[in-house]
Amino acid sequence: MASLTLAGLCSIPGAAGPDRLTQLQSTYDHETDPVHKAKDLAKLEPEQFASVRQQLGDGNDVEGLAELEHFRDEVAATLTALHPLAAKAESHPDGFKELQIALREALRQMDAILVDLPLDKRPWFRAVRYDLQNDQNTLLDILFPRRLAKPPGKDPSS
């Protein structure tokens, strides 16, 4: 009976704690396809922030910041890997879309973390948030490229 309860708990998202985070991190680390890597990072994001919240709650500000910086670096690396596929992102948004949604949630989480931090610790966390915001803006630009409108009355063929 106890093993059934334990098996049930492990299937609940977030219930496995560090083991689930380790498993998702390993999947992300071993993935070579940029699209799958972006999707794996999107799955990793909630677990990563749950871990950071736990560390900050335990008073481990330095470890929490280090984990956020690691996440930021993973986002940047994944975005760099996706960049060669940017030309077709509008018609085939796989990976880009999932990563952008995860970044939007990460920014929301960062805002919640910043509110709870003492004033003297906020600048380092704000720097991570700033970098994540820039990455999200880059993804939005890739997903929704601005098209220049033709000036009225001008024929491009003349």
Foldseek 3Di string as FASTA:
>chain_A
DVVVVVVVQVVDPCSVQPVVLVVLVVVLVPDDQLLVNLLSLLVNLVSLLVVLVVCVVVVNPVVSLVSLVVSLVSLVVSLVNCVVVLVCCQVVVRSLVSNLVSLVVNLVSLVVVLVPDDPVSNVSSVVSSVSSVVSSVVSVCSNDPDDDDDPPPDDPVD
